Amino acid sequence: MINVENLDDANNFIEIKDNYVFFWGLDISSKKFRINALIRELMKKYDITEDEVIEISDDDTYQFYKEVYENNPTTKKENLKRKKTKYIQVLKQIRALIADETDLIANLANICAALKYGMNGFFWVGFYFVKGGDLVLGPYQGPPACTRIKIPQGVCGACAQKKETIIVPDVDKFPGHIACSSHSKSEIVVPLIEDGKVWGVLDVDSDEYDKFDEVDKKYLEEICGIVAKSP
């Protein structure tokens, strides 16, 4: 821990005072949290005491800030509202992008770009097409990916087999997960279905754990539903 003697020297710091945790210098909506049982456990975990001022400068102090902030009910509510707003904006953009275009590949490419750059924490966004017993890589945004995946291997293969959306909070804990990138921490895969048959999947990865929830499921399924037809 780094004790900050001169607060002007700290760009981002934590202050524990009067039964509250204060986060200073951070671009977040909520900066003050009453110390509760969870925060006390986190203080023990990260060796933080009351009446202390510490700079958010190392992995431990940053992780303490992140856990306190992200597990706060007010923060969760604000983040949920913000996510829904972003999805509504992205959906509007996607509808406009594909409205007058009939080429499927062009439309899927634009959908990938809109999601990758319109949503926070989307590390990789792409489509796979069902070809025989495989999923074959289609349009995507992000680093190089697995070109071909056997069904039902991995999260994508399982989604294609089950014909349902799969949310994975921690990819390392998913049986048979295919590690196309070591940076991927969580994942959501949505099937593309026409006449009861899966013809592809939308795969979204994040470099953050537990990134996806029912809000993502709702809007990503809606996006997949507006894809005009199978290839």
Protein backbone atom coordinates (compact mmCIF):
# COMPACT_ATOMS: atom_id res chain seq x y z
CA MET A 1 0.00 0.00 0.00
CA ILE A 2 1.13 3.58 -0.63
CA ASN A 3 0.17 6.12 2.01
CA VAL A 4 -0.40 9.48 0.40
CA GLU A 5 0.95 12.36 2.50
CA ASN A 6 0.17 15.03 -0.03
CA LEU A 7 -3.19 14.41 -1.68
CA ASP A 8 -2.24 16.66 -4.60
CA ASP A 9 0.32 14.06 -5.60
CA ALA A 10 -2.30 11.34 -6.03
CA ASN A 11 -4.30 11.23 -9.24
CA ASN A 12 -6.67 8.54 -7.96
CA PHE A 13 -6.96 7.57 -4.32
CA ILE A 14 -9.14 5.92 -1.68
CA GLU A 15 -10.03 7.53 1.64
CA ILE A 16 -11.52 5.55 4.54
CA LYS A 17 -13.19 7.99 6.93
CA ASP A 18 -16.29 8.29 9.15
CA ASN A 19 -17.61 4.83 8.20
CA TYR A 20 -17.44 5.63 4.49
CA VAL A 21 -15.17 4.73 1.58
CA PHE A 22 -14.44 7.65 -0.74
CA PHE A 23 -13.00 7.31 -4.25
CA TRP A 24 -11.35 10.51 -5.42
CA GLY A 25 -10.10 11.51 -8.85
CA LEU A 26 -12.05 8.77 -10.65
CA ASP A 27 -14.50 9.35 -13.47
CA ILE A 28 -17.38 7.43 -11.88
CA SER A 29 -20.90 8.49 -10.95
CA SER A 30 -20.82 7.25 -7.33
CA LYS A 31 -17.76 8.18 -5.27
CA LYS A 32 -18.97 7.58 -1.70
CA PHE A 33 -20.01 4.23 -0.20
CA ARG A 34 -21.06 3.44 3.35
CA ILE A 35 -18.92 0.68 4.82
CA ASN A 36 -21.00 -2.51 5.04
CA ALA A 37 -20.18 -6.16 5.73
CA LEU A 38 -18.98 -6.74 2.17
CA ILE A 39 -16.68 -3.74 2.21
CA ARG A 40 -15.26 -4.76 5.60
CA GLU A 41 -14.44 -8.19 4.19
CA LEU A 42 -12.77 -6.55 1.21
CA MET A 43 -10.81 -4.26 3.54
CA LYS A 44 -9.47 -7.32 5.34
CA LYS A 45 -8.75 -9.05 2.05
CA TYR A 46 -6.71 -6.13 0.73
CA ASP A 47 -5.24 -5.08 4.09
CA ILE A 48 -6.92 -1.67 4.15
CA THR A 49 -7.68 -0.02 7.48
CA GLU A 50 -9.99 2.81 8.57
CA ASP A 51 -8.73 6.39 8.73
CA GLU A 52 -6.35 5.65 5.87
CA VAL A 53 -5.70 7.33 2.57
CA ILE A 54 -4.15 5.20 -0.15
CA GLU A 55 -3.29 5.77 -3.76
CA ILE A 56 -4.94 3.54 -6.36
CA SER A 57 -1.63 2.65 -7.91
CA ASP A 58 -1.12 -1.12 -7.68
CA ASP A 59 -3.13 -4.21 -8.53
CA ASP A 60 -4.47 -4.75 -5.00
CA THR A 61 -5.75 -1.23 -4.42
CA TYR A 62 -7.28 -1.07 -7.88
CA GLN A 63 -8.99 -4.42 -7.37
CA PHE A 64 -10.39 -3.22 -4.04
CA TYR A 65 -11.85 -0.16 -5.76
CA LYS A 66 -13.29 -2.29 -8.54
CA GLU A 67 -14.94 -4.81 -6.21
CA VAL A 68 -16.43 -2.12 -3.96
CA TYR A 69 -17.71 -0.07 -6.87
CA GLU A 70 -19.07 -2.88 -9.03
CA ASN A 71 -20.81 -4.72 -6.17
CA ASN A 72 -22.65 -1.64 -4.95
CA PRO A 73 -26.44 -1.85 -5.65
CA THR A 74 -26.56 1.77 -6.85
CA THR A 75 -23.69 1.17 -9.24
CA LYS A 76 -25.31 -1.99 -10.59
CA LYS A 77 -28.54 -0.12 -11.24
CA GLU A 78 -26.73 2.74 -12.98
CA ASN A 79 -24.66 0.35 -15.09
CA LEU A 80 -27.75 -1.62 -16.09
CA LYS A 81 -29.52 1.55 -17.22
CA ARG A 82 -26.42 2.68 -19.11
CA LYS A 83 -26.09 -0.69 -20.85
CA LYS A 84 -29.72 -0.68 -21.99
CA THR A 85 -29.29 2.83 -23.40
CA LYS A 86 -26.22 1.76 -25.34
CA TYR A 87 -27.99 -1.27 -26.78
CA ILE A 88 -30.93 0.86 -27.91
CA GLN A 89 -28.51 3.21 -29.67
CA VAL A 90 -26.61 0.33 -31.28
CA LEU A 91 -29.83 -1.35 -32.41
CA LYS A 92 -30.94 1.89 -34.06
CA GLN A 93 -27.58 2.16 -35.81
CA ILE A 94 -27.68 -1.47 -37.00
CA ARG A 95 -31.18 -1.12 -38.42
CA ALA A 96 -30.05 1.94 -40.36
CA LEU A 97 -26.88 0.23 -41.61
CA ILE A 98 -28.63 -2.84 -43.00
CA ALA A 99 -31.94 -1.28 -44.06
CA ASP A 100 -31.08 -0.95 -47.76
CA GLU A 101 -28.47 -3.70 -48.08
CA THR A 102 -29.34 -7.26 -49.11
CA ASP A 103 -25.85 -8.77 -48.92
CA LEU A 104 -25.65 -10.91 -45.80
CA ILE A 105 -21.87 -10.74 -45.35
CA ALA A 106 -21.86 -6.95 -45.61
CA ASN A 107 -24.64 -6.69 -43.04
CA LEU A 108 -22.98 -9.09 -40.59
CA ALA A 109 -19.70 -7.19 -40.93
CA ASN A 110 -21.41 -3.93 -40.01
CA ILE A 111 -23.24 -5.57 -37.11
CA CYS A 112 -19.88 -6.76 -35.73
CA ALA A 113 -18.39 -3.27 -36.01
CA ALA A 114 -21.42 -1.60 -34.43
CA LEU A 115 -21.30 -3.96 -31.43
CA LYS A 116 -17.52 -3.93 -31.02
CA TYR A 117 -17.25 -0.16 -30.96
CA GLY A 118 -20.67 0.68 -29.55
CA MET A 119 -20.61 -1.48 -26.40
CA ASN A 120 -18.17 -1.36 -23.51
CA GLY A 121 -15.92 -4.33 -22.83
CA PHE A 122 -16.59 -6.25 -26.05
CA PHE A 123 -13.16 -7.72 -26.78
CA TRP A 124 -14.21 -9.84 -29.79
CA VAL A 125 -17.43 -9.92 -31.82
CA GLY A 126 -18.03 -12.28 -34.71
CA PHE A 127 -20.22 -14.73 -36.56
CA TYR A 128 -19.70 -18.42 -37.35
CA PHE A 129 -21.59 -20.27 -40.07
CA VAL A 130 -22.72 -23.89 -39.80
CA LYS A 131 -21.10 -25.94 -42.58
CA GLY A 132 -21.62 -29.66 -42.22
CA GLY A 133 -20.62 -30.60 -38.68
CA ASP A 134 -18.47 -27.50 -38.22
CA LEU A 135 -18.77 -23.83 -37.41
CA VAL A 136 -16.69 -21.81 -39.87
CA LEU A 137 -15.49 -18.28 -39.13
CA GLY A 138 -17.38 -15.43 -40.78
CA PRO A 139 -17.26 -11.64 -40.40
CA TYR A 140 -15.76 -10.45 -37.11
CA GLN A 141 -14.08 -7.61 -35.24
CA GLY A 142 -11.10 -8.32 -32.98
CA PRO A 143 -7.85 -10.31 -33.00
CA PRO A 144 -7.40 -13.47 -35.11
CA ALA A 145 -9.80 -16.25 -34.12
CA CYS A 146 -10.37 -19.98 -34.47
CA THR A 147 -11.21 -20.63 -38.12
CA ARG A 148 -13.19 -23.85 -37.65
CA ILE A 149 -14.94 -25.32 -34.60
CA LYS A 150 -16.43 -28.79 -34.41
CA ILE A 151 -20.02 -28.97 -33.18
CA PRO A 152 -20.61 -29.38 -30.20
CA GLN A 153 -17.12 -28.35 -29.02
CA GLY A 154 -16.58 -25.14 -27.07
CA VAL A 155 -19.19 -22.55 -26.19
CA CYS A 156 -20.03 -21.86 -29.84
CA GLY A 157 -20.44 -25.54 -30.66
CA ALA A 158 -22.61 -26.13 -27.60
CA CYS A 159 -24.82 -23.17 -28.55
CA ALA A 160 -25.28 -24.53 -32.08
CA GLN A 161 -26.19 -27.96 -30.75
CA LYS A 162 -28.58 -26.75 -28.04
CA LYS A 163 -30.16 -24.00 -30.18
CA GLU A 164 -30.11 -21.63 -27.25
CA THR A 165 -28.08 -18.68 -25.96
CA ILE A 166 -25.25 -19.58 -23.61
CA ILE A 167 -23.71 -17.13 -21.11
CA VAL A 168 -20.34 -18.04 -19.60
CA PRO A 169 -19.09 -15.84 -16.71
CA ASP A 170 -15.64 -17.49 -16.66
CA VAL A 171 -14.57 -19.27 -19.84
CA ASP A 172 -11.87 -21.26 -18.03
CA LYS A 173 -14.61 -23.02 -16.06
CA PHE A 174 -16.63 -24.03 -19.12
CA PRO A 175 -16.08 -27.73 -19.93
CA GLY A 176 -14.32 -28.09 -23.26
CA HIS A 177 -13.77 -24.37 -23.75
CA ILE A 178 -11.67 -23.59 -26.84
CA ALA A 179 -9.15 -20.86 -26.00
CA CYS A 180 -8.86 -18.88 -29.23
CA SER A 181 -7.41 -16.00 -27.18
CA SER A 182 -5.94 -15.95 -23.69
CA HIS A 183 -7.43 -12.47 -23.23
CA SER A 184 -11.00 -13.78 -23.33
CA LYS A 185 -12.48 -14.06 -19.82
CA SER A 186 -16.25 -14.29 -20.35
CA GLU A 187 -18.47 -15.02 -23.33
CA ILE A 188 -22.00 -15.05 -24.71
CA VAL A 189 -23.06 -16.98 -27.81
CA VAL A 190 -26.43 -16.54 -29.54
CA PRO A 191 -27.79 -18.95 -32.18
CA LEU A 192 -29.00 -17.78 -35.59
CA ILE A 193 -32.10 -19.83 -36.37
CA GLU A 194 -34.28 -20.05 -39.46
CA ASP A 195 -37.19 -22.48 -39.80
CA GLY A 196 -36.06 -24.23 -36.63
CA LYS A 197 -32.55 -24.85 -37.96
CA VAL A 198 -29.35 -23.24 -36.65
CA TRP A 199 -27.33 -21.79 -39.54
CA GLY A 200 -24.85 -19.79 -37.49
CA VAL A 201 -24.00 -18.18 -34.17
CA LEU A 202 -23.06 -14.74 -32.91
CA ASP A 203 -20.10 -14.94 -30.52
CA VAL A 204 -19.14 -12.08 -28.19
CA ASP A 205 -16.14 -12.25 -25.88
CA SER A 206 -15.00 -9.88 -23.15
CA ASP A 207 -11.65 -9.47 -21.45
CA GLU A 208 -13.58 -8.99 -18.18
CA TYR A 209 -15.04 -11.77 -16.04
CA ASP A 210 -18.84 -12.02 -15.67
CA LYS A 211 -19.46 -9.36 -18.30
CA PHE A 212 -22.71 -10.67 -19.77
CA ASP A 213 -26.21 -10.98 -18.30
CA GLU A 214 -29.87 -11.21 -19.27
CA VAL A 215 -29.80 -7.68 -20.72
CA ASP A 216 -27.09 -8.72 -23.18
CA LYS A 217 -29.07 -11.87 -23.98
CA LYS A 218 -32.24 -9.92 -24.71
CA TYR A 219 -30.68 -7.37 -27.04
CA LEU A 220 -28.23 -9.69 -28.80
CA GLU A 221 -31.08 -12.10 -29.53
CA GLU A 222 -33.05 -9.17 -30.92
CA ILE A 223 -30.11 -8.23 -33.14
CA CYS A 224 -29.79 -11.80 -34.40
CA GLY A 225 -33.53 -11.79 -35.11
CA ILE A 226 -33.23 -8.91 -37.59
CA VAL A 227 -30.65 -10.70 -39.72
CA ALA A 228 -32.65 -11.19 -42.89
CA LYS A 229 -31.78 -14.70 -44.00
CA SER A 230 -29.28 -17.53 -43.81
CA PRO A 231 -26.39 -17.70 -46.32
